[in-house]
Structure formats: structure tokens, C-alpha cells
Amino acid sequence: AVPPDHRDQFVRLAHEVSFPMGTRIFEEGGLADRFW
């Protein structure tokens, strides 16, 4: 969805993370300060 000339810039903002099974990634009402 990101325009082609912006994709590399957008993708460079990401870093890989992992969550074990059962991890609560976020709770309803909590601060939404990231996305995946």
C-alpha cells in the first residue's frame, strides 16, 4: 500500500521481534505506541 518510491524508507523503520506462544502482546486500553 506504500507508494513504491517510499517503500524502502518505510521498511527501514522496522526491526524484527519475536513473541513466545502465550505472550500478551498488548492489552485493551493500553498505550498503542507500536505496530507489527
PDB file of all heavy atoms in Angstrom:
ATOM      1  N   ALA A   1       0.819  -1.220   0.000  1.00  0.00           N
ATOM      2  CA  ALA A   1       0.000   0.000   0.000  1.00  0.00           C
ATOM      3  C   ALA A   1       0.852   1.270   0.000  1.00  0.00           C
ATOM      4  O   ALA A   1       0.383   2.336  -0.397  1.00  0.00           O
ATOM      5  CB  ALA A   1      -0.932   0.006   1.204  1.00  0.00           C
ATOM      6  N   VAL A   2       2.094   1.137   0.439  1.00  0.00           N
ATOM      7  CA  VAL A   2       3.003   2.285   0.468  1.00  0.00           C
ATOM      8  C   VAL A   2       3.465   2.568  -0.958  1.00  0.00           C
ATOM      9  O   VAL A   2       3.842   1.648  -1.685  1.00  0.00           O
ATOM     10  CB  VAL A   2       4.212   1.984   1.386  1.00  0.00           C
ATOM     11  CG1 VAL A   2       5.273   3.072   1.295  1.00  0.00           C
ATOM     12  CG2 VAL A   2       3.745   1.805   2.830  1.00  0.00           C
ATOM     13  N   PRO A   3       3.417   3.833  -1.393  1.00  0.00           N
ATOM     14  CA  PRO A   3       3.873   4.150  -2.746  1.00  0.00           C
ATOM     15  C   PRO A   3       5.291   3.615  -2.978  1.00  0.00           C
ATOM     16  O   PRO A   3       6.142   3.663  -2.082  1.00  0.00           O
ATOM     17  CB  PRO A   3       3.854   5.677  -2.780  1.00  0.00           C
ATOM     18  CG  PRO A   3       2.834   6.063  -1.750  1.00  0.00           C
ATOM     19  CD  PRO A   3       2.959   5.018  -0.662  1.00  0.00           C
ATOM     20  N   PRO A   4       5.551   3.065  -4.177  1.00  0.00           N
ATOM     21  CA  PRO A   4       6.842   2.408  -4.453  1.00  0.00           C
ATOM     22  C   PRO A   4       8.071   3.248  -4.092  1.00  0.00           C
ATOM     23  O   PRO A   4       9.038   2.699  -3.571  1.00  0.00           O
ATOM     24  CB  PRO A   4       6.789   2.143  -5.966  1.00  0.00           C
ATOM     25  CG  PRO A   4       5.333   2.049  -6.269  1.00  0.00           C
ATOM     26  CD  PRO A   4       4.646   3.005  -5.327  1.00  0.00           C
ATOM     27  N   ASP A   5       8.017   4.550  -4.318  1.00  0.00           N
ATOM     28  CA  ASP A   5       9.190   5.372  -4.027  1.00  0.00           C
ATOM     29  C   ASP A   5       9.365   5.659  -2.531  1.00  0.00           C
ATOM     30  O   ASP A   5      10.329   6.302  -2.131  1.00  0.00           O
ATOM     31  CB  ASP A   5       9.158   6.679  -4.820  1.00  0.00           C
ATOM     32  CG  ASP A   5       7.878   7.458  -4.646  1.00  0.00           C
ATOM     33  OD1 ASP A   5       6.835   6.846  -4.359  1.00  0.00           O
ATOM     34  OD2 ASP A   5       7.915   8.692  -4.803  1.00  0.00           O
ATOM     35  N   HIS A   6       8.463   5.147  -1.673  1.00  0.00           N
ATOM     36  CA  HIS A   6       8.562   5.318  -0.229  1.00  0.00           C
ATOM     37  C   HIS A   6       8.800   4.000   0.510  1.00  0.00           C
ATOM     38  O   HIS A   6       9.039   3.995   1.707  1.00  0.00           O
ATOM     39  CB  HIS A   6       7.273   5.935   0.319  1.00  0.00           C
ATOM     40  CG  HIS A   6       7.010   7.319  -0.141  1.00  0.00           C
ATOM     41  ND1 HIS A   6       6.450   7.606  -1.365  1.00  0.00           N
ATOM     42  CD2 HIS A   6       7.232   8.499   0.458  1.00  0.00           C
ATOM     43  CE1 HIS A   6       6.335   8.908  -1.496  1.00  0.00           C
ATOM     44  NE2 HIS A   6       6.798   9.478  -0.405  1.00  0.00           N
ATOM     45  N   ARG A   7       8.719   2.887  -0.207  1.00  0.00           N
ATOM     46  CA  ARG A   7       8.761   1.573   0.457  1.00  0.00           C
ATOM     47  C   ARG A   7      10.062   1.317   1.204  1.00  0.00           C
ATOM     48  O   ARG A   7      10.038   0.861   2.345  1.00  0.00           O
ATOM     49  CB  ARG A   7       8.516   0.451  -0.555  1.00  0.00           C
ATOM     50  CG  ARG A   7       7.081   0.332  -0.921  1.00  0.00           C
ATOM     51  CD  ARG A   7       6.775  -0.851  -1.808  1.00  0.00           C
ATOM     52  NE  ARG A   7       5.402  -0.689  -2.289  1.00  0.00           N
ATOM     53  CZ  ARG A   7       5.002  -0.964  -3.501  1.00  0.00           C
ATOM     54  NH1 ARG A   7       5.849  -1.483  -4.377  1.00  0.00           N
ATOM     55  NH2 ARG A   7       3.762  -0.766  -3.851  1.00  0.00           N
ATOM     56  N   ASP A   8      11.195   1.586   0.570  1.00  0.00           N
ATOM     57  CA  ASP A   8      12.464   1.302   1.242  1.00  0.00           C
ATOM     58  C   ASP A   8      12.594   2.117   2.516  1.00  0.00           C
ATOM     59  O   ASP A   8      13.037   1.601   3.548  1.00  0.00           O
ATOM     60  CB  ASP A   8      13.650   1.571   0.311  1.00  0.00           C
ATOM     61  CG  ASP A   8      13.785   0.502  -0.763  1.00  0.00           C
ATOM     62  OD1 ASP A   8      13.244  -0.612  -0.577  1.00  0.00           O
ATOM     63  OD2 ASP A   8      14.415   0.784  -1.802  1.00  0.00           O
ATOM     64  N   GLN A   9      12.201   3.374   2.476  1.00  0.00           N
ATOM     65  CA  GLN A   9      12.262   4.239   3.657  1.00  0.00           C
ATOM     66  C   GLN A   9      11.365   3.678   4.769  1.00  0.00           C
ATOM     67  O   GLN A   9      11.763   3.621   5.930  1.00  0.00           O
ATOM     68  CB  GLN A   9      11.830   5.656   3.287  1.00  0.00           C
ATOM     69  CG  GLN A   9      11.859   6.629   4.443  1.00  0.00           C
ATOM     70  CD  GLN A   9      11.352   8.006   4.042  1.00  0.00           C
ATOM     71  OE1 GLN A   9      10.651   8.168   3.048  1.00  0.00           O
ATOM     72  NE2 GLN A   9      11.702   9.000   4.836  1.00  0.00           N
ATOM     73  N   PHE A  10      10.174   3.240   4.401  1.00  0.00           N
ATOM     74  CA  PHE A  10       9.239   2.679   5.373  1.00  0.00           C
ATOM     75  C   PHE A  10       9.789   1.379   5.966  1.00  0.00           C
ATOM     76  O   PHE A  10       9.805   1.201   7.191  1.00  0.00           O
ATOM     77  CB  PHE A  10       7.875   2.444   4.704  1.00  0.00           C
ATOM     78  CG  PHE A  10       6.846   1.831   5.595  1.00  0.00           C
ATOM     79  CD1 PHE A  10       6.287   2.554   6.643  1.00  0.00           C
ATOM     80  CD2 PHE A  10       6.425   0.529   5.388  1.00  0.00           C
ATOM     81  CE1 PHE A  10       5.332   1.976   7.467  1.00  0.00           C
ATOM     82  CE2 PHE A  10       5.461  -0.043   6.202  1.00  0.00           C
ATOM     83  CZ  PHE A  10       4.919   0.676   7.246  1.00  0.00           C
ATOM     84  N   VAL A  11      10.245   0.468   5.134  1.00  0.00           N
ATOM     85  CA  VAL A  11      10.735  -0.837   5.581  1.00  0.00           C
ATOM     86  C   VAL A  11      11.963  -0.675   6.488  1.00  0.00           C
ATOM     87  O   VAL A  11      12.129  -1.438   7.450  1.00  0.00           O
ATOM     88  CB  VAL A  11      11.032  -1.745   4.362  1.00  0.00           C
ATOM     89  CG1 VAL A  11      11.794  -2.988   4.752  1.00  0.00           C
ATOM     90  CG2 VAL A  11       9.731  -2.111   3.659  1.00  0.00           C
ATOM     91  N   ARG A  12      12.800   0.320   6.231  1.00  0.00           N
ATOM     92  CA  ARG A  12      13.989   0.544   7.071  1.00  0.00           C
ATOM     93  C   ARG A  12      13.632   0.910   8.510  1.00  0.00           C
ATOM     94  O   ARG A  12      14.475   0.818   9.399  1.00  0.00           O
ATOM     95  CB  ARG A  12      14.881   1.623   6.460  1.00  0.00           C
ATOM     96  CG  ARG A  12      15.754   1.111   5.338  1.00  0.00           C
ATOM     97  CD  ARG A  12      16.876   2.089   5.014  1.00  0.00           C
ATOM     98  NE  ARG A  12      16.406   3.405   4.641  1.00  0.00           N
ATOM     99  CZ  ARG A  12      16.099   3.797   3.398  1.00  0.00           C
ATOM    100  NH1 ARG A  12      16.237   2.952   2.399  1.00  0.00           N
ATOM    101  NH2 ARG A  12      15.680   5.024   3.162  1.00  0.00           N
ATOM    102  N   LEU A  13      12.399   1.324   8.756  1.00  0.00           N
ATOM    103  CA  LEU A  13      11.982   1.690  10.114  1.00  0.00           C
ATOM    104  C   LEU A  13      11.708   0.470  10.996  1.00  0.00           C
ATOM    105  O   LEU A  13      11.574   0.596  12.206  1.00  0.00           O
ATOM    106  CB  LEU A  13      10.717   2.560  10.068  1.00  0.00           C
ATOM    107  CG  LEU A  13      10.834   3.901   9.363  1.00  0.00           C
ATOM    108  CD1 LEU A  13       9.478   4.584   9.320  1.00  0.00           C
ATOM    109  CD2 LEU A  13      11.879   4.778  10.035  1.00  0.00           C
ATOM    110  N   ALA A  14      11.615  -0.699  10.387  1.00  0.00           N
ATOM    111  CA  ALA A  14      11.234  -1.908  11.118  1.00  0.00           C
ATOM    112  C   ALA A  14      12.436  -2.625  11.706  1.00  0.00           C
ATOM    113  O   ALA A  14      13.552  -2.526  11.197  1.00  0.00           O
ATOM    114  CB  ALA A  14      10.492  -2.854  10.180  1.00  0.00           C
ATOM    115  N   HIS A  15      12.168  -3.346  12.787  1.00  0.00           N
ATOM    116  CA  HIS A  15      13.154  -4.292  13.313  1.00  0.00           C
ATOM    117  C   HIS A  15      12.413  -5.557  13.745  1.00  0.00           C
ATOM    118  O   HIS A  15      11.249  -5.511  14.146  1.00  0.00           O
ATOM    119  CB  HIS A  15      13.983  -3.703  14.451  1.00  0.00           C
ATOM    120  CG  HIS A  15      13.212  -3.445  15.706  1.00  0.00           C
ATOM    121  ND1 HIS A  15      12.465  -2.304  15.901  1.00  0.00           N
ATOM    122  CD2 HIS A  15      13.049  -4.194  16.821  1.00  0.00           C
ATOM    123  CE1 HIS A  15      11.887  -2.354  17.079  1.00  0.00           C
ATOM    124  NE2 HIS A  15      12.217  -3.482  17.667  1.00  0.00           N
ATOM    125  N   GLU A  16      13.090  -6.691  13.621  1.00  0.00           N
ATOM    126  CA  GLU A  16      12.456  -7.981  13.894  1.00  0.00           C
ATOM    127  C   GLU A  16      12.338  -8.221  15.399  1.00  0.00           C
ATOM    128  O   GLU A  16      13.257  -7.926  16.164  1.00  0.00           O
ATOM    129  CB  GLU A  16      13.244  -9.121  13.254  1.00  0.00           C
ATOM    130  CG  GLU A  16      12.497 -10.438  13.341  1.00  0.00           C
ATOM    131  CD  GLU A  16      13.151 -11.550  12.544  1.00  0.00           C
ATOM    132  OE1 GLU A  16      13.551 -11.302  11.396  1.00  0.00           O
ATOM    133  OE2 GLU A  16      13.226 -12.671  13.082  1.00  0.00           O
ATOM    134  N   VAL A  17      11.185  -8.745  15.791  1.00  0.00           N
ATOM    135  CA  VAL A  17      10.937  -9.141  17.175  1.00  0.00           C
ATOM    136  C   VAL A  17      10.296 -10.528  17.157  1.00  0.00           C
ATOM    137  O   VAL A  17       9.832 -10.994  16.117  1.00  0.00           O
ATOM    138  CB  VAL A  17      10.010  -8.145  17.918  1.00  0.00           C
ATOM    139  CG1 VAL A  17      10.659  -6.775  18.037  1.00  0.00           C
ATOM    140  CG2 VAL A  17       8.651  -8.046  17.245  1.00  0.00           C
ATOM    141  N   SER A  18      10.267 -11.160  18.317  1.00  0.00           N
ATOM    142  CA  SER A  18       9.575 -12.447  18.424  1.00  0.00           C
ATOM    143  C   SER A  18       8.822 -12.489  19.749  1.00  0.00           C
ATOM    144  O   SER A  18       9.195 -11.831  20.721  1.00  0.00           O
ATOM    145  CB  SER A  18      10.554 -13.611  18.307  1.00  0.00           C
ATOM    146  OG  SER A  18      11.505 -13.554  19.342  1.00  0.00           O
ATOM    147  N   PHE A  19       7.735 -13.262  19.740  1.00  0.00           N
ATOM    148  CA  PHE A  19       6.906 -13.451  20.923  1.00  0.00           C
ATOM    149  C   PHE A  19       6.662 -14.939  21.101  1.00  0.00           C
ATOM    150  O   PHE A  19       6.155 -15.595  20.179  1.00  0.00           O
ATOM    151  CB  PHE A  19       5.549 -12.746  20.757  1.00  0.00           C
ATOM    152  CG  PHE A  19       5.641 -11.271  20.490  1.00  0.00           C
ATOM    153  CD1 PHE A  19       5.435 -10.778  19.199  1.00  0.00           C
ATOM    154  CD2 PHE A  19       5.927 -10.380  21.507  1.00  0.00           C
ATOM    155  CE1 PHE A  19       5.509  -9.421  18.943  1.00  0.00           C
ATOM    156  CE2 PHE A  19       6.005  -9.015  21.261  1.00  0.00           C
ATOM    157  CZ  PHE A  19       5.797  -8.534  19.976  1.00  0.00           C
ATOM    158  N   PRO A  20       6.998 -15.487  22.261  1.00  0.00           N
ATOM    159  CA  PRO A  20       6.684 -16.898  22.513  1.00  0.00           C
ATOM    160  C   PRO A  20       5.168 -17.099  22.593  1.00  0.00           C
ATOM    161  O   PRO A  20       4.415 -16.170  22.908  1.00  0.00           O
ATOM    162  CB  PRO A  20       7.325 -17.185  23.872  1.00  0.00           C
ATOM    163  CG  PRO A  20       8.288 -16.074  24.110  1.00  0.00           C
ATOM    164  CD  PRO A  20       7.757 -14.897  23.350  1.00  0.00           C
ATOM    165  N   MET A  21       4.728 -18.301  22.330  1.00  0.00           N
ATOM    166  CA  MET A  21       3.311 -18.642  22.454  1.00  0.00           C
ATOM    167  C   MET A  21       2.825 -18.268  23.853  1.00  0.00           C
ATOM    168  O   MET A  21       3.522 -18.481  24.841  1.00  0.00           O
ATOM    169  CB  MET A  21       3.109 -20.135  22.211  1.00  0.00           C
ATOM    170  CG  MET A  21       1.664 -20.544  22.184  1.00  0.00           C
ATOM    171  SD  MET A  21       1.495 -22.248  21.625  1.00  0.00           S
ATOM    172  CE  MET A  21       1.028 -23.017  23.143  1.00  0.00           C
ATOM    173  N   GLY A  22       1.644 -17.675  23.919  1.00  0.00           N
ATOM    174  CA  GLY A  22       1.056 -17.274  25.197  1.00  0.00           C
ATOM    175  C   GLY A  22       1.396 -15.863  25.634  1.00  0.00           C
ATOM    176  O   GLY A  22       0.837 -15.380  26.627  1.00  0.00           O
ATOM    177  N   THR A  23       2.290 -15.185  24.928  1.00  0.00           N
ATOM    178  CA  THR A  23       2.661 -13.816  25.288  1.00  0.00           C
ATOM    179  C   THR A  23       1.504 -12.858  25.018  1.00  0.00           C
ATOM    180  O   THR A  23       0.928 -12.874  23.931  1.00  0.00           O
ATOM    181  CB  THR A  23       3.891 -13.354  24.467  1.00  0.00           C
ATOM    182  OG1 THR A  23       4.982 -14.221  24.728  1.00  0.00           O
ATOM    183  CG2 THR A  23       4.273 -11.919  24.787  1.00  0.00           C
ATOM    184  N   ARG A  24       1.174 -12.018  26.005  1.00  0.00           N
ATOM    185  CA  ARG A  24       0.223 -10.935  25.794  1.00  0.00           C
ATOM    186  C   ARG A  24       1.013  -9.805  25.136  1.00  0.00           C
ATOM    187  O   ARG A  24       1.917  -9.234  25.737  1.00  0.00           O
ATOM    188  CB  ARG A  24      -0.381 -10.441  27.111  1.00  0.00           C
ATOM    189  CG  ARG A  24      -1.353 -11.381  27.748  1.00  0.00           C
ATOM    190  CD  ARG A  24      -2.584 -11.675  26.948  1.00  0.00           C
ATOM    191  NE  ARG A  24      -3.477 -10.528  26.817  1.00  0.00           N
ATOM    192  CZ  ARG A  24      -4.585 -10.526  26.101  1.00  0.00           C
ATOM    193  NH1 ARG A  24      -4.958 -11.609  25.429  1.00  0.00           N
ATOM    194  NH2 ARG A  24      -5.335  -9.465  26.022  1.00  0.00           N
ATOM    195  N   ILE A  25       0.709  -9.526  23.897  1.00  0.00           N
ATOM    196  CA  ILE A  25       1.452  -8.522  23.132  1.00  0.00           C
ATOM    197  C   ILE A  25       0.996  -7.125  23.514  1.00  0.00           C
ATOM    198  O   ILE A  25       1.807  -6.214  23.661  1.00  0.00           O
ATOM    199  CB  ILE A  25       1.310  -8.786  21.622  1.00  0.00           C
ATOM    200  CG1 ILE A  25       1.882 -10.175  21.303  1.00  0.00           C
ATOM    201  CG2 ILE A  25       2.012  -7.698  20.811  1.00  0.00           C
ATOM    202  CD1 ILE A  25       1.584 -10.678  19.902  1.00  0.00           C
ATOM    203  N   PHE A  26      -0.317  -6.956  23.681  1.00  0.00           N
ATOM    204  CA  PHE A  26      -0.851  -5.708  24.226  1.00  0.00           C
ATOM    205  C   PHE A  26      -2.214  -5.958  24.830  1.00  0.00           C
ATOM    206  O   PHE A  26      -2.864  -6.962  24.544  1.00  0.00           O
ATOM    207  CB  PHE A  26      -0.889  -4.573  23.199  1.00  0.00           C
ATOM    208  CG  PHE A  26      -1.597  -4.863  21.897  1.00  0.00           C
ATOM    209  CD1 PHE A  26      -2.980  -4.766  21.794  1.00  0.00           C
ATOM    210  CD2 PHE A  26      -0.873  -5.195  20.758  1.00  0.00           C
ATOM    211  CE1 PHE A  26      -3.629  -5.003  20.592  1.00  0.00           C
ATOM    212  CE2 PHE A  26      -1.516  -5.438  19.552  1.00  0.00           C
ATOM    213  CZ  PHE A  26      -2.897  -5.345  19.471  1.00  0.00           C
ATOM    214  N   GLU A  27      -2.609  -5.033  25.699  1.00  0.00           N
ATOM    215  CA  GLU A  27      -3.883  -5.117  26.401  1.00  0.00           C
ATOM    216  C   GLU A  27      -4.804  -3.992  25.941  1.00  0.00           C
ATOM    217  O   GLU A  27      -4.350  -2.864  25.727  1.00  0.00           O
ATOM    218  CB  GLU A  27      -3.684  -5.002  27.918  1.00  0.00           C
ATOM    219  CG  GLU A  27      -2.917  -6.138  28.546  1.00  0.00           C
ATOM    220  CD  GLU A  27      -3.680  -7.452  28.579  1.00  0.00           C
ATOM    221  OE1 GLU A  27      -4.912  -7.464  28.377  1.00  0.00           O
ATOM    222  OE2 GLU A  27      -3.026  -8.491  28.805  1.00  0.00           O
ATOM    223  N   GLU A  28      -6.080  -4.310  25.833  1.00  0.00           N
ATOM    224  CA  GLU A  28      -7.093  -3.317  25.502  1.00  0.00           C
ATOM    225  C   GLU A  28      -6.967  -2.131  26.461  1.00  0.00           C
ATOM    226  O   GLU A  28      -6.855  -2.307  27.670  1.00  0.00           O
ATOM    227  CB  GLU A  28      -8.471  -3.968  25.626  1.00  0.00           C
ATOM    228  CG  GLU A  28      -9.614  -3.100  25.203  1.00  0.00           C
ATOM    229  CD  GLU A  28     -10.937  -3.848  25.240  1.00  0.00           C
ATOM    230  OE1 GLU A  28     -10.946  -5.097  25.263  1.00  0.00           O
ATOM    231  OE2 GLU A  28     -11.971  -3.161  25.244  1.00  0.00           O
ATOM    232  N   GLY A  29      -6.947  -0.918  25.903  1.00  0.00           N
ATOM    233  CA  GLY A  29      -6.843   0.297  26.702  1.00  0.00           C
ATOM    234  C   GLY A  29      -5.427   0.785  26.918  1.00  0.00           C
ATOM    235  O   GLY A  29      -5.213   1.927  27.323  1.00  0.00           O
ATOM    236  N   GLY A  30      -4.428  -0.072  26.645  1.00  0.00           N
ATOM    237  CA  GLY A  30      -3.036   0.322  26.822  1.00  0.00           C
ATOM    238  C   GLY A  30      -2.577   1.280  25.730  1.00  0.00           C
ATOM    239  O   GLY A  30      -3.232   1.461  24.708  1.00  0.00           O
ATOM    240  N   LEU A  31      -1.427   1.909  25.953  1.00  0.00           N
ATOM    241  CA  LEU A  31      -0.849   2.851  25.001  1.00  0.00           C
ATOM    242  C   LEU A  31      -0.423   2.131  23.720  1.00  0.00           C
ATOM    243  O   LEU A  31       0.365   1.185  23.763  1.00  0.00           O
ATOM    244  CB  LEU A  31       0.359   3.556  25.620  1.00  0.00           C
ATOM    245  CG  LEU A  31       1.081   4.561  24.734  1.00  0.00           C
ATOM    246  CD1 LEU A  31       0.144   5.732  24.385  1.00  0.00           C
ATOM    247  CD2 LEU A  31       2.336   5.069  25.428  1.00  0.00           C
ATOM    248  N   ALA A  32      -0.939   2.579  22.591  1.00  0.00           N
ATOM    249  CA  ALA A  32      -0.602   1.991  21.289  1.00  0.00           C
ATOM    250  C   ALA A  32       0.588   2.755  20.716  1.00  0.00           C
ATOM    251  O   ALA A  32       0.428   3.717  19.975  1.00  0.00           O
ATOM    252  CB  ALA A  32      -1.805   2.046  20.353  1.00  0.00           C
ATOM    253  N   ASP A  33       1.781   2.316  21.078  1.00  0.00           N
ATOM    254  CA  ASP A  33       2.995   3.042  20.701  1.00  0.00           C
ATOM    255  C   ASP A  33       3.833   2.313  19.658  1.00  0.00           C
ATOM    256  O   ASP A  33       4.945   2.719  19.350  1.00  0.00           O
ATOM    257  CB  ASP A  33       3.844   3.335  21.935  1.00  0.00           C
ATOM    258  CG  ASP A  33       4.279   2.085  22.663  1.00  0.00           C
ATOM    259  OD1 ASP A  33       3.824   0.961  22.312  1.00  0.00           O
ATOM    260  OD2 ASP A  33       5.084   2.212  23.607  1.00  0.00           O
ATOM    261  N   ARG A  34       3.284   1.236  19.095  1.00  0.00           N
ATOM    262  CA  ARG A  34       3.986   0.481  18.057  1.00  0.00           C
ATOM    263  C   ARG A  34       2.976  -0.351  17.282  1.00  0.00           C
ATOM    264  O   ARG A  34       1.823  -0.480  17.689  1.00  0.00           O
ATOM    265  CB  ARG A  34       5.071  -0.393  18.653  1.00  0.00           C
ATOM    266  CG  ARG A  34       4.537  -1.484  19.558  1.00  0.00           C
ATOM    267  CD  ARG A  34       5.562  -2.058  20.497  1.00  0.00           C
ATOM    268  NE  ARG A  34       5.824  -1.039  21.493  1.00  0.00           N
ATOM    269  CZ  ARG A  34       6.982  -0.855  22.111  1.00  0.00           C
ATOM    270  NH1 ARG A  34       7.963  -1.669  21.909  1.00  0.00           N
ATOM    271  NH2 ARG A  34       7.152   0.107  22.981  1.00  0.00           N
ATOM    272  N   PHE A  35       3.429  -0.936  16.193  1.00  0.00           N
ATOM    273  CA  PHE A  35       2.616  -1.883  15.434  1.00  0.00           C
ATOM    274  C   PHE A  35       3.544  -2.857  14.760  1.00  0.00           C
ATOM    275  O   PHE A  35       4.762  -2.670  14.752  1.00  0.00           O
ATOM    276  CB  PHE A  35       1.683  -1.168  14.436  1.00  0.00           C
ATOM    277  CG  PHE A  35       2.389  -0.423  13.327  1.00  0.00           C
ATOM    278  CD1 PHE A  35       2.599  -1.016  12.090  1.00  0.00           C
ATOM    279  CD2 PHE A  35       2.822   0.874  13.526  1.00  0.00           C
ATOM    280  CE1 PHE A  35       3.237  -0.326  11.071  1.00  0.00           C
ATOM    281  CE2 PHE A  35       3.457   1.578  12.512  1.00  0.00           C
ATOM    282  CZ  PHE A  35       3.662   0.982  11.287  1.00  0.00           C
ATOM    283  N   TRP A  36       2.971  -3.926  14.214  1.00  0.00           N
ATOM    284  CA  TRP A  36       3.769  -5.016  13.667  1.00  0.00           C
ATOM    285  C   TRP A  36       3.192  -5.510  12.349  1.00  0.00           C
ATOM    286  O   TRP A  36       1.987  -5.435  12.119  1.00  0.00           O
ATOM    287  CB  TRP A  36       3.781  -6.201  14.634  1.00  0.00           C
ATOM    288  CG  TRP A  36       4.293  -5.882  15.988  1.00  0.00           C
ATOM    289  CD1 TRP A  36       5.566  -6.053  16.459  1.00  0.00           C
ATOM    290  CD2 TRP A  36       3.547  -5.336  17.082  1.00  0.00           C
ATOM    291  NE1 TRP A  36       5.649  -5.647  17.765  1.00  0.00           N
ATOM    292  CE2 TRP A  36       4.422  -5.192  18.172  1.00  0.00           C
ATOM    293  CE3 TRP A  36       2.211  -4.933  17.255  1.00  0.00           C
ATOM    294  CZ2 TRP A  36       4.023  -4.689  19.402  1.00  0.00           C
ATOM    295  CZ3 TRP A  36       1.808  -4.420  18.477  1.00  0.00           C
ATOM    296  CH2 TRP A  36       2.707  -4.307  19.535  1.00  0.00           C
TER     297      TRP A  36
END
